């Protein structure tokens, strides 16, 4: 199923963009750095001293973080359900939420006790890198969905917005046209993706200009 219309290709388009790869690599490095510094060095030592002085052992800390992480995990599941109409529970993801909360806790404790603004600067840098990565991702996805729209209009014309049935068979790979139809169906039905919303907004604006005969 190697086609430029393949949903799997769409999900991996970002990997083919060098700017996105660079931004993602910087984000991963910064996240790893944040995690390491939260567990060792001054941040880890001061946080550990705080837990010990307040009688918070490993078990008690994990239970506390689990209670705090549960609403966050539920929110994540709810957002995924809104986008995919399916629920996928993962104990690994929940453990990841607990771990992230612990990292945030450690930095908050360190900043509260030392007032060291380097922690804030580090967090701001990570946020900026994440925003850059997200922006590049939206741009790449926008270009992909615009191409899907243009190819769909060439193929179907006025019936572009209709549902185009695709029969899925486990033993048979989809043809290029079937993969394109799958993407067209997703384009017409999905309003949750920012990139699809931008393409649809551009289409509405273009039609408005045409209806009002604006050059």
C-alpha atoms as a PDB file:
ATOM      1  CA  UNK A   1       0.000   0.000   0.000  1.00  0.00           C
ATOM      2  CA  UNK A   2       2.674   2.448  -0.993  1.00  0.00           C
ATOM      3  CA  UNK A   3       0.718   5.418  -2.302  1.00  0.00           C
ATOM      4  CA  UNK A   4       0.822   9.146  -1.726  1.00  0.00           C
ATOM      5  CA  UNK A   5      -2.874   8.904  -0.799  1.00  0.00           C
ATOM      6  CA  UNK A   6      -2.405   6.187   1.795  1.00  0.00           C
ATOM      7  CA  UNK A   7      -3.583   7.166   5.289  1.00  0.00           C
ATOM      8  CA  UNK A   8      -0.429   5.584   6.669  1.00  0.00           C
ATOM      9  CA  UNK A   9       1.640   7.812   4.405  1.00  0.00           C
ATOM     10  CA  UNK A  10      -0.335  10.829   5.634  1.00  0.00           C
ATOM     11  CA  UNK A  11       0.503   9.937   9.232  1.00  0.00           C
ATOM     12  CA  UNK A  12       4.187   9.742   8.339  1.00  0.00           C
ATOM     13  CA  UNK A  13       4.420  12.758   6.029  1.00  0.00           C
ATOM     14  CA  UNK A  14       5.884  14.783   8.885  1.00  0.00           C
ATOM     15  CA  UNK A  15       8.836  12.411   9.101  1.00  0.00           C
ATOM     16  CA  UNK A  16       9.801  13.237   5.497  1.00  0.00           C
ATOM     17  CA  UNK A  17      10.072  16.962   6.244  1.00  0.00           C
ATOM     18  CA  UNK A  18      13.571  17.946   7.406  1.00  0.00           C
ATOM     19  CA  UNK A  19      12.367  20.984   9.370  1.00  0.00           C
ATOM     20  CA  UNK A  20       9.856  18.847  11.258  1.00  0.00           C
ATOM     21  CA  UNK A  21      12.493  16.197  11.962  1.00  0.00           C
ATOM     22  CA  UNK A  22      14.862  18.864  13.306  1.00  0.00           C
ATOM     23  CA  UNK A  23      12.173  20.443  15.515  1.00  0.00           C
ATOM     24  CA  UNK A  24      11.055  17.032  16.764  1.00  0.00           C
ATOM     25  CA  UNK A  25      14.645  16.013  17.486  1.00  0.00           C
ATOM     26  CA  UNK A  26      15.253  19.210  19.464  1.00  0.00           C
ATOM     27  CA  UNK A  27      12.034  18.635  21.386  1.00  0.00           C
ATOM     28  CA  UNK A  28      12.981  15.048  22.248  1.00  0.00           C
ATOM     29  CA  UNK A  29      16.438  16.150  23.412  1.00  0.00           C
ATOM     30  CA  UNK A  30      14.968  18.929  25.553  1.00  0.00           C
ATOM     31  CA  UNK A  31      12.358  16.570  27.041  1.00  0.00           C
ATOM     32  CA  UNK A  32      15.026  13.986  27.888  1.00  0.00           C
ATOM     33  CA  UNK A  33      17.099  16.762  29.448  1.00  0.00           C
ATOM     34  CA  UNK A  34      14.126  17.915  31.540  1.00  0.00           C
ATOM     35  CA  UNK A  35      13.503  14.361  32.766  1.00  0.00           C
ATOM     36  CA  UNK A  36      17.167  13.693  33.619  1.00  0.00           C
ATOM     37  CA  UNK A  37      17.588  17.001  35.472  1.00  0.00           C
ATOM     38  CA  UNK A  38      14.363  16.383  37.418  1.00  0.00           C
ATOM     39  CA  UNK A  39      15.715  13.099  38.789  1.00  0.00           C
ATOM     40  CA  UNK A  40      19.376  13.877  39.382  1.00  0.00           C
ATOM     41  CA  UNK A  41      21.442  16.896  40.355  1.00  0.00           C
ATOM     42  CA  UNK A  42      20.067  19.755  42.459  1.00  0.00           C
ATOM     43  CA  UNK A  43      16.466  19.390  41.242  1.00  0.00           C
ATOM     44  CA  UNK A  44      16.259  15.688  42.097  1.00  0.00           C
ATOM     45  CA  UNK A  45      18.124  16.122  45.389  1.00  0.00           C
ATOM     46  CA  UNK A  46      15.987  19.010  46.659  1.00  0.00           C
ATOM     47  CA  UNK A  47      12.752  17.313  45.586  1.00  0.00           C
ATOM     48  CA  UNK A  48      13.826  14.093  47.304  1.00  0.00           C
ATOM     49  CA  UNK A  49      14.686  15.982  50.505  1.00  0.00           C
ATOM     50  CA  UNK A  50      11.247  17.643  50.377  1.00  0.00           C
ATOM     51  CA  UNK A  51       9.471  14.286  50.056  1.00  0.00           C
ATOM     52  CA  UNK A  52      11.475  12.758  52.925  1.00  0.00           C
ATOM     53  CA  UNK A  53      11.004  15.755  55.253  1.00  0.00           C
ATOM     54  CA  UNK A  54       7.224  15.598  54.677  1.00  0.00           C
ATOM     55  CA  UNK A  55       7.013  11.858  55.217  1.00  0.00           C
ATOM     56  CA  UNK A  56       6.189  11.068  51.591  1.00  0.00           C
ATOM     57  CA  UNK A  57       7.644   7.698  50.652  1.00  0.00           C
ATOM     58  CA  UNK A  58       7.776   6.063  47.221  1.00  0.00           C
ATOM     59  CA  UNK A  59       4.430   4.241  47.603  1.00  0.00           C
ATOM     60  CA  UNK A  60       2.639   7.308  48.951  1.00  0.00           C
ATOM     61  CA  UNK A  61       4.112   9.479  46.169  1.00  0.00           C
ATOM     62  CA  UNK A  62       2.984   7.042  43.456  1.00  0.00           C
ATOM     63  CA  UNK A  63      -0.545   6.907  44.931  1.00  0.00           C
ATOM     64  CA  UNK A  64      -0.705  10.708  45.102  1.00  0.00           C
ATOM     65  CA  UNK A  65       0.521  11.083  41.525  1.00  0.00           C
ATOM     66  CA  UNK A  66      -1.919   8.396  40.338  1.00  0.00           C
ATOM     67  CA  UNK A  67      -4.866  10.342  41.779  1.00  0.00           C
ATOM     68  CA  UNK A  68      -3.664  13.532  40.092  1.00  0.00           C
ATOM     69  CA  UNK A  69      -2.863  11.804  36.788  1.00  0.00           C
ATOM     70  CA  UNK A  70      -6.200  10.009  36.450  1.00  0.00           C
ATOM     71  CA  UNK A  71      -8.255  13.116  35.470  1.00  0.00           C
ATOM     72  CA  UNK A  72      -5.549  14.117  32.982  1.00  0.00           C
ATOM     73  CA  UNK A  73      -5.608  10.652  31.426  1.00  0.00           C
ATOM     74  CA  UNK A  74      -9.416  10.722  31.261  1.00  0.00           C
ATOM     75  CA  UNK A  75      -9.227  14.060  29.454  1.00  0.00           C
ATOM     76  CA  UNK A  76      -6.773  12.575  26.939  1.00  0.00           C
ATOM     77  CA  UNK A  77      -9.094   9.606  26.319  1.00  0.00           C
ATOM     78  CA  UNK A  78     -12.057  11.954  25.875  1.00  0.00           C
ATOM     79  CA  UNK A  79     -10.188  14.009  23.251  1.00  0.00           C
ATOM     80  CA  UNK A  80      -9.176  10.841  21.393  1.00  0.00           C
ATOM     81  CA  UNK A  81     -12.785   9.616  21.464  1.00  0.00           C
ATOM     82  CA  UNK A  82     -13.977  12.926  19.985  1.00  0.00           C
ATOM     83  CA  UNK A  83     -11.474  12.526  17.128  1.00  0.00           C
ATOM     84  CA  UNK A  84     -11.656   8.768  16.467  1.00  0.00           C
ATOM     85  CA  UNK A  85     -15.009   7.696  18.016  1.00  0.00           C
ATOM     86  CA  UNK A  86     -13.152   4.865  19.757  1.00  0.00           C
ATOM     87  CA  UNK A  87     -11.606   4.331  23.181  1.00  0.00           C
ATOM     88  CA  UNK A  88      -8.160   2.776  23.611  1.00  0.00           C
ATOM     89  CA  UNK A  89      -6.966   2.246  27.180  1.00  0.00           C
ATOM     90  CA  UNK A  90      -3.250   1.843  27.800  1.00  0.00           C
ATOM     91  CA  UNK A  91      -1.592   1.199  31.160  1.00  0.00           C
ATOM     92  CA  UNK A  92       1.714   2.362  29.649  1.00  0.00           C
ATOM     93  CA  UNK A  93       0.225   5.751  28.744  1.00  0.00           C
ATOM     94  CA  UNK A  94      -1.236   6.086  32.255  1.00  0.00           C
ATOM     95  CA  UNK A  95       2.175   5.295  33.774  1.00  0.00           C
ATOM     96  CA  UNK A  96       3.603   7.922  31.426  1.00  0.00           C
ATOM     97  CA  UNK A  97       1.121  10.479  32.806  1.00  0.00           C
ATOM     98  CA  UNK A  98       2.231   9.610  36.336  1.00  0.00           C
ATOM     99  CA  UNK A  99       5.865  10.025  35.343  1.00  0.00           C
ATOM    100  CA  UNK A 100       5.209  13.411  33.687  1.00  0.00           C
ATOM    101  CA  UNK A 101       3.372  14.618  36.796  1.00  0.00           C
ATOM    102  CA  UNK A 102       6.338  13.574  38.942  1.00  0.00           C
ATOM    103  CA  UNK A 103       8.737  15.530  36.711  1.00  0.00           C
ATOM    104  CA  UNK A 104       6.507  18.625  36.943  1.00  0.00           C
ATOM    105  CA  UNK A 105       6.222  18.165  40.723  1.00  0.00           C
ATOM    106  CA  UNK A 106       9.991  18.013  41.122  1.00  0.00           C
ATOM    107  CA  UNK A 107      10.550  21.210  39.147  1.00  0.00           C
ATOM    108  CA  UNK A 108       7.766  23.036  40.989  1.00  0.00           C
ATOM    109  CA  UNK A 109       9.266  22.045  44.347  1.00  0.00           C
ATOM    110  CA  UNK A 110      12.741  23.081  43.201  1.00  0.00           C
ATOM    111  CA  UNK A 111      11.541  26.454  41.906  1.00  0.00           C
ATOM    112  CA  UNK A 112       9.449  27.127  45.021  1.00  0.00           C
ATOM    113  CA  UNK A 113      12.373  26.416  47.370  1.00  0.00           C
ATOM    114  CA  UNK A 114      15.208  28.010  45.354  1.00  0.00           C
ATOM    115  CA  UNK A 115      13.441  30.589  43.120  1.00  0.00           C
ATOM    116  CA  UNK A 116      15.912  29.616  40.379  1.00  0.00           C
ATOM    117  CA  UNK A 117      14.561  31.150  37.169  1.00  0.00           C
ATOM    118  CA  UNK A 118      16.688  28.869  34.968  1.00  0.00           C
ATOM    119  CA  UNK A 119      13.956  26.270  35.379  1.00  0.00           C
ATOM    120  CA  UNK A 120      11.402  28.676  33.905  1.00  0.00           C
ATOM    121  CA  UNK A 121      13.678  29.516  30.983  1.00  0.00           C
ATOM    122  CA  UNK A 122      14.193  25.814  30.286  1.00  0.00           C
ATOM    123  CA  UNK A 123      10.442  25.211  30.282  1.00  0.00           C
ATOM    124  CA  UNK A 124       9.832  28.197  27.984  1.00  0.00           C
ATOM    125  CA  UNK A 125      12.459  26.911  25.521  1.00  0.00           C
ATOM    126  CA  UNK A 126      10.735  23.492  25.434  1.00  0.00           C
ATOM    127  CA  UNK A 127       7.376  25.180  24.866  1.00  0.00           C
ATOM    128  CA  UNK A 128       8.746  27.244  21.964  1.00  0.00           C
ATOM    129  CA  UNK A 129      10.252  24.144  20.330  1.00  0.00           C
ATOM    130  CA  UNK A 130       6.938  22.297  20.753  1.00  0.00           C
ATOM    131  CA  UNK A 131       5.033  25.186  19.154  1.00  0.00           C
ATOM    132  CA  UNK A 132       7.444  25.251  16.192  1.00  0.00           C
ATOM    133  CA  UNK A 133       7.039  21.487  15.697  1.00  0.00           C
ATOM    134  CA  UNK A 134       3.248  21.777  15.881  1.00  0.00           C
ATOM    135  CA  UNK A 135       3.198  24.635  13.360  1.00  0.00           C
ATOM    136  CA  UNK A 136       5.363  22.710  10.879  1.00  0.00           C
ATOM    137  CA  UNK A 137       3.119  19.669  11.346  1.00  0.00           C
ATOM    138  CA  UNK A 138      -0.024  21.695  10.551  1.00  0.00           C
ATOM    139  CA  UNK A 139       1.601  23.180   7.423  1.00  0.00           C
ATOM    140  CA  UNK A 140       2.612  19.741   6.109  1.00  0.00           C
ATOM    141  CA  UNK A 141      -0.812  18.264   6.808  1.00  0.00           C
ATOM    142  CA  UNK A 142      -2.494  21.292   5.198  1.00  0.00           C
ATOM    143  CA  UNK A 143      -0.558  20.749   1.970  1.00  0.00           C
ATOM    144  CA  UNK A 144      -1.535  17.061   1.969  1.00  0.00           C
ATOM    145  CA  UNK A 145      -5.272  17.683   2.468  1.00  0.00           C
ATOM    146  CA  UNK A 146      -5.274  20.472  -0.130  1.00  0.00           C
ATOM    147  CA  UNK A 147      -3.836  17.994  -2.626  1.00  0.00           C
ATOM    148  CA  UNK A 148      -6.522  15.454  -1.659  1.00  0.00           C
ATOM    149  CA  UNK A 149      -9.220  18.077  -2.296  1.00  0.00           C
ATOM    150  CA  UNK A 150      -7.770  19.071  -5.661  1.00  0.00           C
ATOM    151  CA  UNK A 151      -7.408  15.451  -6.808  1.00  0.00           C
ATOM    152  CA  UNK A 152     -10.928  14.664  -5.595  1.00  0.00           C
ATOM    153  CA  UNK A 153     -12.437  17.588  -7.517  1.00  0.00           C
ATOM    154  CA  UNK A 154     -10.650  16.471 -10.695  1.00  0.00           C
ATOM    155  CA  UNK A 155     -12.031  12.945 -10.265  1.00  0.00           C
ATOM    156  CA  UNK A 156     -15.572  13.613  -8.984  1.00  0.00           C
ATOM    157  CA  UNK A 157     -16.361  17.261  -9.699  1.00  0.00           C
ATOM    158  CA  UNK A 158     -19.643  18.313  -8.052  1.00  0.00           C
ATOM    159  CA  UNK A 159     -20.051  14.900  -6.395  1.00  0.00           C
ATOM    160  CA  UNK A 160     -16.810  15.336  -4.435  1.00  0.00           C
ATOM    161  CA  UNK A 161     -18.616  15.752  -1.106  1.00  0.00           C
ATOM    162  CA  UNK A 162     -20.588  12.517  -1.511  1.00  0.00           C
ATOM    163  CA  UNK A 163     -19.548   9.344   0.316  1.00  0.00           C
ATOM    164  CA  UNK A 164     -17.425   7.066  -1.883  1.00  0.00           C
ATOM    165  CA  UNK A 165     -17.624   3.487  -0.692  1.00  0.00           C
ATOM    166  CA  UNK A 166     -14.398   1.564  -0.187  1.00  0.00           C
ATOM    167  CA  UNK A 167     -14.524  -2.195   0.469  1.00  0.00           C
ATOM    168  CA  UNK A 168     -11.776  -3.269   2.876  1.00  0.00           C
ATOM    169  CA  UNK A 169     -10.441  -6.790   2.471  1.00  0.00           C
ATOM    170  CA  UNK A 170      -7.714  -8.061   4.751  1.00  0.00           C
ATOM    171  CA  UNK A 171      -5.958 -10.057   2.015  1.00  0.00           C
ATOM    172  CA  UNK A 172      -6.040  -7.321  -0.635  1.00  0.00           C
ATOM    173  CA  UNK A 173      -4.149  -4.040  -0.768  1.00  0.00           C
ATOM    174  CA  UNK A 174      -6.165  -0.960  -1.649  1.00  0.00           C
ATOM    175  CA  UNK A 175      -5.725   0.577  -5.086  1.00  0.00           C
ATOM    176  CA  UNK A 176      -4.633   4.207  -5.461  1.00  0.00           C
ATOM    177  CA  UNK A 177      -8.215   5.251  -6.201  1.00  0.00           C
ATOM    178  CA  UNK A 178      -9.544   3.403  -3.130  1.00  0.00           C
ATOM    179  CA  UNK A 179      -6.919   5.040  -0.957  1.00  0.00           C
ATOM    180  CA  UNK A 180      -7.831   8.434  -2.413  1.00  0.00           C
ATOM    181  CA  UNK A 181     -11.528   7.698  -1.748  1.00  0.00           C
ATOM    182  CA  UNK A 182     -10.696   6.818   1.864  1.00  0.00           C
ATOM    183  CA  UNK A 183      -8.929  10.151   2.318  1.00  0.00           C
ATOM    184  CA  UNK A 184     -11.792  12.027   0.591  1.00  0.00           C
ATOM    185  CA  UNK A 185     -14.321  10.429   2.967  1.00  0.00           C
ATOM    186  CA  UNK A 186     -12.169  11.453   5.916  1.00  0.00           C
ATOM    187  CA  UNK A 187     -11.769  14.971   4.526  1.00  0.00           C
ATOM    188  CA  UNK A 188     -15.530  15.391   4.123  1.00  0.00           C
ATOM    189  CA  UNK A 189     -16.392  14.027   7.565  1.00  0.00           C
ATOM    190  CA  UNK A 190     -13.558  15.194   9.830  1.00  0.00           C
ATOM    191  CA  UNK A 191     -13.847  18.685  11.324  1.00  0.00           C
ATOM    192  CA  UNK A 192     -11.503  18.098  14.260  1.00  0.00           C
ATOM    193  CA  UNK A 193      -8.178  18.420  12.421  1.00  0.00           C
ATOM    194  CA  UNK A 194      -6.896  21.988  12.182  1.00  0.00           C
ATOM    195  CA  UNK A 195      -5.279  21.318   8.797  1.00  0.00           C
ATOM    196  CA  UNK A 196      -8.558  20.074   7.255  1.00  0.00           C
ATOM    197  CA  UNK A 197     -10.380  23.055   8.779  1.00  0.00           C
ATOM    198  CA  UNK A 198      -7.916  25.464   7.143  1.00  0.00           C
ATOM    199  CA  UNK A 199      -8.408  23.866   3.716  1.00  0.00           C
ATOM    200  CA  UNK A 200     -12.213  23.972   4.074  1.00  0.00           C
ATOM    201  CA  UNK A 201     -12.025  27.610   5.172  1.00  0.00           C
ATOM    202  CA  UNK A 202      -9.927  28.463   2.126  1.00  0.00           C
ATOM    203  CA  UNK A 203     -12.441  26.669  -0.115  1.00  0.00           C
ATOM    204  CA  UNK A 204     -15.365  28.610   1.397  1.00  0.00           C
ATOM    205  CA  UNK A 205     -13.473  31.889   0.969  1.00  0.00           C
ATOM    206  CA  UNK A 206     -12.700  31.063  -2.675  1.00  0.00           C
ATOM    207  CA  UNK A 207     -16.366  30.264  -3.371  1.00  0.00           C
ATOM    208  CA  UNK A 208     -17.424  33.496  -1.661  1.00  0.00           C
ATOM    209  CA  UNK A 209     -15.092  35.507  -3.889  1.00  0.00           C
ATOM    210  CA  UNK A 210     -16.418  33.708  -6.970  1.00  0.00           C
ATOM    211  CA  UNK A 211     -20.063  34.290  -5.972  1.00  0.00           C
ATOM    212  CA  UNK A 212     -19.368  37.974  -5.372  1.00  0.00           C
ATOM    213  CA  UNK A 213     -17.265  38.207  -8.539  1.00  0.00           C
ATOM    214  CA  UNK A 214     -14.228  39.491  -6.681  1.00  0.00           C
ATOM    215  CA  UNK A 215     -11.028  39.152  -8.717  1.00  0.00           C
END
